[in-house]
N, C-alpha and C. Protein backbone atom coordinates (compact mmCIF):
# COMPACT_ATOMS: atom_id res chain seq x y z
N MET A 1 82.00 94.85 57.66
CA MET A 1 81.87 96.00 58.55
C MET A 1 80.73 95.72 59.53
N GLN A 2 81.00 95.87 60.79
CA GLN A 2 80.01 95.54 61.81
C GLN A 2 79.00 96.66 61.95
N SER A 3 77.72 96.30 61.91
CA SER A 3 76.67 97.32 62.07
C SER A 3 76.49 97.63 63.55
N ARG A 4 76.04 98.85 63.80
CA ARG A 4 75.80 99.28 65.18
C ARG A 4 74.32 99.52 65.37
N SER A 5 73.80 99.06 66.49
CA SER A 5 72.39 99.27 66.79
C SER A 5 72.16 100.74 67.12
N PRO A 6 71.05 101.32 66.66
CA PRO A 6 70.77 102.72 66.99
C PRO A 6 70.51 102.89 68.48
N ALA A 7 70.91 104.04 69.00
CA ALA A 7 70.67 104.32 70.41
C ALA A 7 69.18 104.43 70.66
N PRO A 8 68.72 103.95 71.81
CA PRO A 8 67.28 104.04 72.10
C PRO A 8 66.84 105.49 72.19
N ARG A 9 65.63 105.78 71.66
CA ARG A 9 65.12 107.14 71.67
C ARG A 9 64.12 107.30 72.81
N ALA A 10 64.16 108.46 73.41
CA ALA A 10 63.21 108.73 74.49
C ALA A 10 61.80 108.82 73.92
N THR A 11 60.84 108.32 74.64
CA THR A 11 59.45 108.38 74.19
C THR A 11 58.83 109.69 74.65
N GLY A 12 58.23 110.42 73.70
CA GLY A 12 57.59 111.67 74.05
C GLY A 12 58.58 112.80 74.26
N ARG A 13 58.01 113.99 74.36
CA ARG A 13 58.84 115.16 74.59
C ARG A 13 58.70 115.64 76.02
N PRO A 14 59.78 116.11 76.61
CA PRO A 14 59.64 116.67 77.96
C PRO A 14 58.82 117.95 77.89
N ARG A 15 58.03 118.18 78.92
CA ARG A 15 57.20 119.37 78.96
C ARG A 15 58.08 120.61 79.09
N SER A 16 57.68 121.66 78.41
CA SER A 16 58.40 122.92 78.47
C SER A 16 57.76 123.81 79.52
N ALA A 17 58.54 124.19 80.52
CA ALA A 17 58.02 125.07 81.57
C ALA A 17 57.64 126.42 80.98
N ALA A 18 58.41 126.88 79.99
CA ALA A 18 58.11 128.17 79.36
C ALA A 18 56.78 128.10 78.62
N ALA A 19 56.54 126.98 77.93
CA ALA A 19 55.27 126.83 77.21
C ALA A 19 54.10 126.77 78.19
N ASP A 20 54.28 126.02 79.28
CA ASP A 20 53.22 125.94 80.30
C ASP A 20 52.89 127.33 80.85
N ALA A 21 53.93 128.10 81.18
CA ALA A 21 53.72 129.43 81.73
C ALA A 21 53.00 130.33 80.73
N ALA A 22 53.39 130.25 79.45
CA ALA A 22 52.76 131.07 78.42
C ALA A 22 51.29 130.69 78.24
N ILE A 23 51.01 129.41 78.30
CA ILE A 23 49.63 128.94 78.13
C ILE A 23 48.75 129.40 79.28
N LEU A 24 49.24 129.27 80.50
CA LEU A 24 48.44 129.67 81.66
C LEU A 24 48.23 131.18 81.69
N GLU A 25 49.25 131.93 81.31
CA GLU A 25 49.12 133.38 81.23
C GLU A 25 48.11 133.77 80.15
N ALA A 26 48.18 133.10 79.01
CA ALA A 26 47.23 133.37 77.92
C ALA A 26 45.81 133.02 78.34
N THR A 27 45.66 131.97 79.12
CA THR A 27 44.33 131.59 79.61
C THR A 27 43.75 132.68 80.50
N ARG A 28 44.56 133.23 81.38
CA ARG A 28 44.08 134.30 82.26
C ARG A 28 43.72 135.55 81.45
N ALA A 29 44.53 135.85 80.44
CA ALA A 29 44.23 137.01 79.59
C ALA A 29 42.92 136.81 78.85
N ALA A 30 42.69 135.60 78.36
CA ALA A 30 41.44 135.30 77.66
C ALA A 30 40.25 135.38 78.60
N LEU A 31 40.41 134.95 79.85
CA LEU A 31 39.34 135.05 80.82
C LEU A 31 38.94 136.50 81.05
N VAL A 32 39.93 137.39 81.11
CA VAL A 32 39.65 138.81 81.32
C VAL A 32 38.92 139.39 80.10
N GLU A 33 39.42 139.06 78.93
CA GLU A 33 38.89 139.67 77.70
C GLU A 33 37.59 139.03 77.22
N LEU A 34 37.50 137.71 77.31
CA LEU A 34 36.38 137.00 76.71
C LEU A 34 35.40 136.43 77.73
N GLY A 35 35.89 136.14 78.94
CA GLY A 35 35.07 135.42 79.90
C GLY A 35 35.15 133.92 79.65
N TRP A 36 34.66 133.15 80.60
CA TRP A 36 34.80 131.69 80.50
C TRP A 36 34.02 131.13 79.32
N SER A 37 32.81 131.61 79.11
CA SER A 37 31.94 131.00 78.10
C SER A 37 32.50 131.12 76.68
N LYS A 38 33.21 132.20 76.38
CA LYS A 38 33.73 132.41 75.03
C LYS A 38 35.18 131.96 74.87
N LEU A 39 35.82 131.57 75.96
CA LEU A 39 37.21 131.13 75.88
C LEU A 39 37.29 129.79 75.15
N THR A 40 38.23 129.67 74.22
CA THR A 40 38.45 128.41 73.51
C THR A 40 39.92 128.04 73.58
N LEU A 41 40.21 126.76 73.45
CA LEU A 41 41.60 126.32 73.45
C LEU A 41 42.34 126.88 72.24
N GLY A 42 41.65 127.03 71.12
CA GLY A 42 42.28 127.61 69.95
C GLY A 42 42.73 129.03 70.18
N ASP A 43 41.90 129.82 70.85
CA ASP A 43 42.27 131.20 71.15
C ASP A 43 43.45 131.24 72.11
N VAL A 44 43.43 130.38 73.13
CA VAL A 44 44.53 130.34 74.09
C VAL A 44 45.83 129.95 73.38
N ALA A 45 45.77 128.96 72.50
CA ALA A 45 46.97 128.54 71.77
C ALA A 45 47.54 129.68 70.95
N THR A 46 46.68 130.43 70.27
CA THR A 46 47.14 131.57 69.46
C THR A 46 47.80 132.62 70.34
N ARG A 47 47.18 132.94 71.47
CA ARG A 47 47.73 133.94 72.38
C ARG A 47 49.09 133.50 72.93
N ALA A 48 49.20 132.18 73.21
CA ALA A 48 50.43 131.66 73.82
C ALA A 48 51.52 131.38 72.78
N GLY A 49 51.15 131.39 71.50
CA GLY A 49 52.12 131.11 70.45
C GLY A 49 52.52 129.65 70.39
N VAL A 50 51.57 128.75 70.68
CA VAL A 50 51.85 127.31 70.62
C VAL A 50 50.79 126.64 69.76
N ALA A 51 51.06 125.40 69.34
CA ALA A 51 50.09 124.64 68.58
C ALA A 51 48.95 124.18 69.49
N LYS A 52 47.77 124.06 68.93
CA LYS A 52 46.63 123.60 69.72
C LYS A 52 46.87 122.21 70.29
N THR A 53 47.60 121.38 69.53
CA THR A 53 47.89 120.03 70.02
C THR A 53 48.74 120.06 71.29
N THR A 54 49.54 121.13 71.44
CA THR A 54 50.34 121.27 72.65
C THR A 54 49.45 121.37 73.87
N LEU A 55 48.33 122.09 73.75
CA LEU A 55 47.40 122.20 74.87
C LEU A 55 46.76 120.86 75.19
N TYR A 56 46.35 120.13 74.15
CA TYR A 56 45.67 118.86 74.38
C TYR A 56 46.60 117.81 74.96
N ARG A 57 47.91 117.96 74.74
CA ARG A 57 48.85 117.02 75.37
C ARG A 57 48.95 117.27 76.87
N ARG A 58 48.60 118.47 77.28
CA ARG A 58 48.76 118.85 78.68
C ARG A 58 47.44 118.87 79.45
N TRP A 59 46.37 119.28 78.80
CA TRP A 59 45.08 119.42 79.47
C TRP A 59 43.99 118.73 78.66
N ALA A 60 43.10 118.05 79.36
CA ALA A 60 42.04 117.30 78.68
C ALA A 60 40.99 118.22 78.06
N GLY A 61 40.84 119.42 78.61
CA GLY A 61 39.84 120.33 78.09
C GLY A 61 39.92 121.68 78.77
N LYS A 62 38.96 122.54 78.45
CA LYS A 62 38.97 123.92 78.94
C LYS A 62 38.87 124.00 80.46
N ASN A 63 38.02 123.18 81.04
CA ASN A 63 37.83 123.27 82.49
C ASN A 63 39.13 123.03 83.26
N GLU A 64 39.84 121.99 82.88
CA GLU A 64 41.10 121.66 83.57
C GLU A 64 42.13 122.76 83.37
N LEU A 65 42.16 123.32 82.17
CA LEU A 65 43.10 124.41 81.88
C LEU A 65 42.80 125.63 82.74
N VAL A 66 41.54 125.98 82.86
CA VAL A 66 41.16 127.14 83.66
C VAL A 66 41.47 126.91 85.14
N VAL A 67 41.23 125.70 85.63
CA VAL A 67 41.56 125.40 87.03
C VAL A 67 43.04 125.67 87.30
N ASP A 68 43.92 125.18 86.43
CA ASP A 68 45.35 125.35 86.64
C ASP A 68 45.77 126.80 86.50
N ALA A 69 45.12 127.54 85.59
CA ALA A 69 45.45 128.96 85.41
C ALA A 69 45.06 129.75 86.65
N VAL A 70 43.91 129.45 87.22
CA VAL A 70 43.45 130.14 88.43
C VAL A 70 44.28 129.70 89.64
N ALA A 71 44.65 128.41 89.68
CA ALA A 71 45.43 127.90 90.81
C ALA A 71 46.74 128.66 90.97
N GLU A 72 47.35 129.05 89.85
CA GLU A 72 48.60 129.81 89.93
C GLU A 72 48.41 131.14 90.66
N LEU A 73 47.25 131.74 90.51
CA LEU A 73 46.99 133.00 91.21
C LEU A 73 46.99 132.80 92.72
N PHE A 74 46.36 131.70 93.16
CA PHE A 74 46.30 131.45 94.59
C PHE A 74 47.66 131.03 95.16
N ASP A 75 48.56 130.56 94.30
CA ASP A 75 49.91 130.25 94.75
C ASP A 75 50.67 131.51 95.17
N GLU A 76 50.14 132.69 94.80
CA GLU A 76 50.77 133.95 95.21
C GLU A 76 50.52 134.26 96.67
N LEU A 77 49.58 133.58 97.31
CA LEU A 77 49.26 133.84 98.71
C LEU A 77 50.46 133.54 99.60
N ARG A 78 50.72 134.44 100.52
CA ARG A 78 51.80 134.27 101.48
C ARG A 78 51.27 134.57 102.88
N LEU A 79 51.72 133.81 103.85
CA LEU A 79 51.33 134.07 105.23
C LEU A 79 52.27 135.12 105.82
N PRO A 80 51.76 136.29 106.15
CA PRO A 80 52.64 137.32 106.72
C PRO A 80 53.05 136.95 108.13
N ASP A 81 54.22 137.40 108.54
CA ASP A 81 54.66 137.20 109.92
C ASP A 81 54.46 138.53 110.64
N SER A 82 53.22 138.73 111.11
CA SER A 82 52.82 140.03 111.66
C SER A 82 52.98 140.12 113.17
N GLY A 83 53.40 139.02 113.81
CA GLY A 83 53.62 139.05 115.25
C GLY A 83 52.49 138.47 116.06
N SER A 84 51.33 138.25 115.44
CA SER A 84 50.21 137.63 116.14
C SER A 84 49.37 136.85 115.15
N LEU A 85 48.66 135.85 115.63
CA LEU A 85 47.84 135.03 114.76
C LEU A 85 46.70 135.86 114.18
N ALA A 86 46.13 136.75 114.98
CA ALA A 86 45.04 137.59 114.50
C ALA A 86 45.48 138.43 113.31
N ALA A 87 46.65 139.04 113.42
CA ALA A 87 47.15 139.88 112.33
C ALA A 87 47.52 139.04 111.11
N ASP A 88 48.06 137.84 111.36
CA ASP A 88 48.39 136.95 110.24
C ASP A 88 47.13 136.56 109.46
N ILE A 89 46.06 136.23 110.18
CA ILE A 89 44.81 135.87 109.53
C ILE A 89 44.28 137.05 108.72
N GLN A 90 44.32 138.23 109.29
CA GLN A 90 43.85 139.42 108.56
C GLN A 90 44.63 139.60 107.26
N GLY A 91 45.94 139.40 107.33
CA GLY A 91 46.77 139.58 106.16
C GLY A 91 46.43 138.60 105.05
N VAL A 92 46.23 137.34 105.42
CA VAL A 92 45.88 136.32 104.42
C VAL A 92 44.50 136.60 103.83
N VAL A 93 43.54 136.97 104.68
CA VAL A 93 42.18 137.25 104.21
C VAL A 93 42.19 138.39 103.19
N LEU A 94 42.94 139.44 103.46
CA LEU A 94 42.99 140.59 102.55
C LEU A 94 43.66 140.21 101.23
N GLN A 95 44.72 139.40 101.29
CA GLN A 95 45.36 138.92 100.06
C GLN A 95 44.39 138.06 99.25
N PHE A 96 43.72 137.16 99.93
CA PHE A 96 42.79 136.24 99.28
C PHE A 96 41.68 137.01 98.57
N ALA A 97 41.13 137.99 99.27
CA ALA A 97 40.06 138.80 98.69
C ALA A 97 40.55 139.59 97.48
N ALA A 98 41.78 140.09 97.55
CA ALA A 98 42.33 140.84 96.43
C ALA A 98 42.49 139.96 95.18
N ILE A 99 42.88 138.70 95.39
CA ILE A 99 43.00 137.78 94.26
C ILE A 99 41.61 137.47 93.68
N LEU A 100 40.64 137.23 94.55
CA LEU A 100 39.28 136.93 94.08
C LEU A 100 38.66 138.11 93.35
N ASP A 101 39.13 139.30 93.61
CA ASP A 101 38.59 140.49 92.96
C ASP A 101 39.13 140.66 91.54
N ARG A 102 40.16 139.89 91.19
CA ARG A 102 40.71 139.98 89.83
C ARG A 102 39.76 139.30 88.85
N PRO A 103 39.48 139.91 87.71
CA PRO A 103 38.48 139.36 86.78
C PRO A 103 38.78 137.92 86.36
N GLU A 104 40.05 137.60 86.14
CA GLU A 104 40.38 136.26 85.69
C GLU A 104 40.11 135.22 86.77
N ALA A 105 40.33 135.59 88.03
CA ALA A 105 40.04 134.67 89.14
C ALA A 105 38.54 134.54 89.34
N LYS A 106 37.86 135.67 89.31
CA LYS A 106 36.42 135.69 89.56
C LYS A 106 35.66 134.85 88.52
N SER A 107 35.88 135.14 87.24
CA SER A 107 35.14 134.42 86.21
C SER A 107 35.58 132.97 86.11
N GLY A 108 36.87 132.71 86.23
CA GLY A 108 37.37 131.35 86.12
C GLY A 108 36.91 130.47 87.25
N LEU A 109 37.02 130.95 88.48
CA LEU A 109 36.67 130.12 89.64
C LEU A 109 35.18 129.83 89.69
N MET A 110 34.36 130.85 89.46
CA MET A 110 32.91 130.64 89.49
C MET A 110 32.48 129.64 88.43
N ALA A 111 33.11 129.71 87.25
CA ALA A 111 32.73 128.83 86.15
C ALA A 111 33.09 127.38 86.44
N VAL A 112 34.32 127.14 86.90
CA VAL A 112 34.72 125.75 87.11
C VAL A 112 34.01 125.14 88.32
N ILE A 113 33.68 125.96 89.31
CA ILE A 113 32.91 125.43 90.44
C ILE A 113 31.52 125.00 89.96
N ALA A 114 30.92 125.81 89.10
CA ALA A 114 29.60 125.44 88.56
C ALA A 114 29.70 124.15 87.74
N GLU A 115 30.75 124.05 86.91
CA GLU A 115 30.93 122.84 86.10
C GLU A 115 31.20 121.62 86.97
N ALA A 116 31.90 121.84 88.09
CA ALA A 116 32.28 120.72 88.96
C ALA A 116 31.09 120.07 89.65
N THR A 117 29.96 120.77 89.70
CA THR A 117 28.77 120.16 90.31
C THR A 117 28.30 118.95 89.51
N ARG A 118 28.72 118.87 88.24
CA ARG A 118 28.33 117.74 87.40
C ARG A 118 29.52 116.87 87.00
N ASP A 119 30.69 117.15 87.56
CA ASP A 119 31.91 116.47 87.10
C ASP A 119 32.79 116.15 88.31
N ASP A 120 32.77 114.90 88.75
CA ASP A 120 33.53 114.50 89.93
C ASP A 120 35.03 114.67 89.72
N ALA A 121 35.51 114.36 88.50
CA ALA A 121 36.95 114.48 88.22
C ALA A 121 37.39 115.93 88.30
N LEU A 122 36.56 116.84 87.80
CA LEU A 122 36.90 118.26 87.86
C LEU A 122 36.89 118.74 89.31
N ARG A 123 35.95 118.26 90.10
CA ARG A 123 35.91 118.64 91.52
C ARG A 123 37.19 118.17 92.22
N ALA A 124 37.64 116.98 91.89
CA ALA A 124 38.87 116.47 92.49
C ALA A 124 40.07 117.31 92.06
N ARG A 125 40.07 117.78 90.81
CA ARG A 125 41.18 118.61 90.33
C ARG A 125 41.21 119.96 91.06
N ILE A 126 40.04 120.54 91.28
CA ILE A 126 39.97 121.80 92.03
C ILE A 126 40.50 121.59 93.44
N ARG A 127 40.11 120.49 94.05
CA ARG A 127 40.57 120.21 95.41
C ARG A 127 42.08 120.03 95.46
N ALA A 128 42.64 119.30 94.49
CA ALA A 128 44.08 119.04 94.50
C ALA A 128 44.88 120.28 94.11
N SER A 129 44.41 121.03 93.11
CA SER A 129 45.19 122.14 92.56
C SER A 129 45.06 123.43 93.37
N ILE A 130 43.93 123.61 94.03
CA ILE A 130 43.70 124.87 94.75
C ILE A 130 43.58 124.63 96.25
N VAL A 131 42.60 123.81 96.64
CA VAL A 131 42.31 123.65 98.07
C VAL A 131 43.49 123.03 98.81
N ASP A 132 43.94 121.86 98.38
CA ASP A 132 45.00 121.17 99.11
C ASP A 132 46.30 121.96 99.10
N ARG A 133 46.59 122.65 97.99
CA ARG A 133 47.83 123.42 97.92
C ARG A 133 47.81 124.61 98.87
N GLN A 134 46.65 125.19 99.10
CA GLN A 134 46.59 126.38 99.94
C GLN A 134 46.40 126.06 101.42
N LYS A 135 46.14 124.80 101.74
CA LYS A 135 46.05 124.44 103.16
C LYS A 135 47.40 124.58 103.85
N ARG A 136 48.46 124.71 103.05
CA ARG A 136 49.79 124.94 103.63
C ARG A 136 49.80 126.20 104.52
N LEU A 137 48.98 127.20 104.16
CA LEU A 137 48.94 128.44 104.93
C LEU A 137 48.37 128.19 106.32
N VAL A 138 47.36 127.33 106.39
CA VAL A 138 46.77 127.00 107.70
C VAL A 138 47.79 126.27 108.56
N LEU A 139 48.47 125.29 107.97
CA LEU A 139 49.45 124.52 108.72
C LEU A 139 50.60 125.40 109.19
N GLU A 140 51.06 126.27 108.28
CA GLU A 140 52.16 127.18 108.64
C GLU A 140 51.74 128.14 109.74
N GLY A 141 50.54 128.69 109.62
CA GLY A 141 50.06 129.64 110.63
C GLY A 141 49.85 129.00 111.98
N ARG A 142 49.36 127.76 111.98
CA ARG A 142 49.12 127.08 113.26
C ARG A 142 50.44 126.76 113.96
N VAL A 143 51.43 126.28 113.21
CA VAL A 143 52.73 126.00 113.82
C VAL A 143 53.34 127.26 114.42
N ARG A 144 53.23 128.36 113.69
CA ARG A 144 53.78 129.62 114.17
C ARG A 144 53.04 130.09 115.42
N ALA A 145 51.71 129.95 115.43
CA ALA A 145 50.93 130.37 116.59
C ALA A 145 51.22 129.49 117.80
N GLN A 146 51.43 128.20 117.57
CA GLN A 146 51.78 127.31 118.68
C GLN A 146 53.15 127.68 119.26
N ALA A 147 54.08 128.06 118.40
CA ALA A 147 55.41 128.46 118.88
C ALA A 147 55.32 129.74 119.71
N ARG A 148 54.38 130.62 119.38
CA ARG A 148 54.19 131.86 120.15
C ARG A 148 53.42 131.62 121.44
N GLY A 149 52.80 130.43 121.57
CA GLY A 149 51.97 130.14 122.73
C GLY A 149 50.54 130.63 122.56
N GLU A 150 50.15 130.99 121.33
CA GLU A 150 48.79 131.47 121.09
C GLU A 150 47.79 130.34 120.94
N LEU A 151 48.27 129.17 120.50
CA LEU A 151 47.41 128.00 120.34
C LEU A 151 48.06 126.81 121.03
N PRO A 152 47.25 125.92 121.60
CA PRO A 152 47.83 124.72 122.22
C PRO A 152 48.30 123.73 121.15
N ALA A 153 49.30 122.95 121.48
CA ALA A 153 49.78 121.91 120.57
C ALA A 153 48.74 120.80 120.48
N GLU A 154 48.62 120.20 119.31
CA GLU A 154 47.70 119.09 119.11
C GLU A 154 48.53 117.84 118.88
N GLU A 155 48.43 116.90 119.81
CA GLU A 155 49.24 115.68 119.73
C GLU A 155 48.67 114.66 118.75
N ASP A 156 47.37 114.64 118.60
CA ASP A 156 46.72 113.67 117.73
C ASP A 156 46.74 114.17 116.28
N PRO A 157 47.49 113.53 115.38
CA PRO A 157 47.58 114.01 114.00
C PRO A 157 46.25 114.01 113.26
N VAL A 158 45.39 113.07 113.57
CA VAL A 158 44.07 113.02 112.92
C VAL A 158 43.24 114.22 113.33
N SER A 159 43.25 114.52 114.62
CA SER A 159 42.52 115.68 115.12
C SER A 159 43.10 116.98 114.56
N ALA A 160 44.44 117.04 114.47
CA ALA A 160 45.09 118.23 113.93
C ALA A 160 44.72 118.45 112.47
N SER A 161 44.64 117.36 111.70
CA SER A 161 44.26 117.46 110.30
C SER A 161 42.82 117.94 110.15
N ARG A 162 41.94 117.44 110.97
CA ARG A 162 40.54 117.87 110.91
C ARG A 162 40.41 119.34 111.28
N THR A 163 41.17 119.77 112.27
CA THR A 163 41.14 121.18 112.65
C THR A 163 41.63 122.07 111.51
N ALA A 164 42.71 121.65 110.85
CA ALA A 164 43.24 122.42 109.72
C ALA A 164 42.21 122.51 108.60
N ASP A 165 41.52 121.41 108.32
CA ASP A 165 40.48 121.42 107.29
C ASP A 165 39.36 122.39 107.66
N LEU A 166 38.98 122.38 108.92
CA LEU A 166 37.89 123.24 109.37
C LEU A 166 38.28 124.72 109.27
N ILE A 167 39.51 125.03 109.70
CA ILE A 167 39.97 126.42 109.62
C ILE A 167 39.99 126.89 108.16
N PHE A 168 40.52 126.04 107.28
CA PHE A 168 40.58 126.43 105.87
C PHE A 168 39.18 126.65 105.32
N ASP A 169 38.25 125.74 105.63
CA ASP A 169 36.88 125.88 105.12
C ASP A 169 36.23 127.16 105.62
N MET A 170 36.49 127.52 106.86
CA MET A 170 35.89 128.73 107.42
C MET A 170 36.44 129.98 106.74
N VAL A 171 37.75 130.01 106.56
CA VAL A 171 38.37 131.19 105.93
C VAL A 171 37.95 131.30 104.46
N ALA A 172 38.17 130.21 103.72
CA ALA A 172 37.85 130.23 102.29
C ALA A 172 36.36 130.46 102.06
N GLY A 173 35.53 129.77 102.82
CA GLY A 173 34.09 129.91 102.63
C GLY A 173 33.60 131.32 102.90
N ALA A 174 34.09 131.92 103.97
CA ALA A 174 33.65 133.27 104.32
C ALA A 174 34.08 134.29 103.28
N VAL A 175 35.34 134.19 102.84
CA VAL A 175 35.84 135.19 101.89
C VAL A 175 35.22 135.01 100.51
N VAL A 176 35.09 133.77 100.06
CA VAL A 176 34.45 133.53 98.75
C VAL A 176 33.01 134.02 98.77
N HIS A 177 32.28 133.71 99.84
CA HIS A 177 30.89 134.16 99.92
C HIS A 177 30.81 135.68 99.94
N ARG A 178 31.66 136.30 100.72
CA ARG A 178 31.64 137.77 100.83
C ARG A 178 31.91 138.43 99.49
N THR A 179 32.94 137.96 98.78
CA THR A 179 33.37 138.64 97.56
C THR A 179 32.58 138.22 96.32
N LEU A 180 32.29 136.91 96.18
CA LEU A 180 31.70 136.42 94.94
C LEU A 180 30.19 136.23 95.01
N VAL A 181 29.66 135.97 96.19
CA VAL A 181 28.21 135.75 96.31
C VAL A 181 27.51 137.03 96.77
N SER A 182 27.95 137.59 97.88
CA SER A 182 27.35 138.83 98.37
C SER A 182 27.84 140.06 97.61
N ALA A 183 29.00 139.92 96.94
CA ALA A 183 29.59 141.03 96.18
C ALA A 183 29.83 142.25 97.07
N GLU A 184 30.31 141.99 98.26
CA GLU A 184 30.65 143.04 99.21
C GLU A 184 32.17 143.11 99.37
N PRO A 185 32.71 144.28 99.67
CA PRO A 185 34.17 144.39 99.79
C PRO A 185 34.68 143.75 101.09
N VAL A 186 35.86 143.20 101.02
CA VAL A 186 36.55 142.71 102.22
C VAL A 186 37.48 143.83 102.67
N THR A 187 37.01 144.61 103.61
CA THR A 187 37.78 145.73 104.13
C THR A 187 38.67 145.28 105.29
N GLU A 188 39.55 146.16 105.73
CA GLU A 188 40.38 145.83 106.88
C GLU A 188 39.54 145.60 108.12
N ASP A 189 38.47 146.39 108.28
CA ASP A 189 37.58 146.21 109.44
C ASP A 189 36.89 144.85 109.39
N TRP A 190 36.43 144.46 108.18
CA TRP A 190 35.77 143.16 108.05
C TRP A 190 36.76 142.04 108.35
N ALA A 191 37.96 142.14 107.81
CA ALA A 191 38.98 141.11 108.04
C ALA A 191 39.35 141.03 109.52
N ARG A 192 39.41 142.16 110.18
CA ARG A 192 39.74 142.17 111.60
C ARG A 192 38.63 141.50 112.41
N GLY A 193 37.38 141.83 112.09
CA GLY A 193 36.26 141.23 112.80
C GLY A 193 36.18 139.73 112.56
N PHE A 194 36.45 139.31 111.34
CA PHE A 194 36.43 137.88 111.03
C PHE A 194 37.51 137.15 111.82
N ALA A 195 38.72 137.73 111.87
CA ALA A 195 39.83 137.10 112.61
C ALA A 195 39.48 136.95 114.09
N GLN A 196 38.81 137.95 114.65
CA GLN A 196 38.43 137.89 116.06
C GLN A 196 37.44 136.75 116.32
N ILE A 197 36.47 136.63 115.44
CA ILE A 197 35.48 135.56 115.61
C ILE A 197 36.13 134.19 115.46
N LEU A 198 37.02 134.04 114.47
CA LEU A 198 37.70 132.76 114.26
C LEU A 198 38.55 132.40 115.47
N LEU A 199 39.29 133.35 115.99
CA LEU A 199 40.15 133.08 117.14
C LEU A 199 39.35 132.81 118.40
N LEU A 200 38.20 133.43 118.51
CA LEU A 200 37.34 133.16 119.66
C LEU A 200 36.93 131.69 119.68
N GLY A 201 36.69 131.13 118.49
CA GLY A 201 36.36 129.71 118.41
C GLY A 201 37.55 128.81 118.66
N LEU A 202 38.75 129.24 118.23
CA LEU A 202 39.93 128.42 118.40
C LEU A 202 40.48 128.41 119.81
N THR A 203 40.41 129.56 120.46
CA THR A 203 41.05 129.70 121.78
C THR A 203 40.06 129.87 122.93
N GLY A 204 38.84 130.26 122.60
CA GLY A 204 37.88 130.52 123.65
C GLY A 204 38.07 131.87 124.31
N THR A 205 39.00 132.67 123.78
CA THR A 205 39.25 134.00 124.33
C THR A 205 39.28 135.01 123.20
N ARG A 206 38.84 136.23 123.47
CA ARG A 206 38.86 137.29 122.48
C ARG A 206 40.25 137.89 122.43
N PRO A 207 40.87 138.00 121.21
CA PRO A 207 42.22 138.57 121.12
C PRO A 207 42.24 140.02 121.52
N ALA A 208 43.35 140.45 122.11
CA ALA A 208 43.45 141.84 122.56
C ALA A 208 43.52 142.78 121.36
């Protein structure tokens, strides 16, 4: 009787999207209830209903897990189509501030930024998971404004990329400082004034 060779087995298990979602949701819940300092991977695993080893297969440690949990919140940001660049900027600023006002975003973001001052790999993860992913809003808004004739087209891709970086840094820096450092509210009036100042720098003219 001729023997048959066993079929090759796949190495490792495919990641479960449901498990990932449960873990990130549990991380945000733990941030609200416990804060960053008391959050542990064991507690997150219990809340998510998964084995602790499941977390370690996906994340190297607490910092990386918190970055990804917070990054999902910022993925909720949407660029409104309000008819003008000024109104679009106001809409994004108000959304951004509302997310930063959530306890899980506030405690998680402040903690990992502090940790990243001593950890280059963590800083790179924050940049890839949060900063680079949200620059899409700047690119989308600029293309839309150029189509409306509100901004001139930029032919040089290097210059266009630098401009996008600068716009993102101005928006993110101002809102983070206002909400997390100064602990002041981002009101509609504040967002409107900020948009006017930003557009004055971009176009050289004050929006109507």
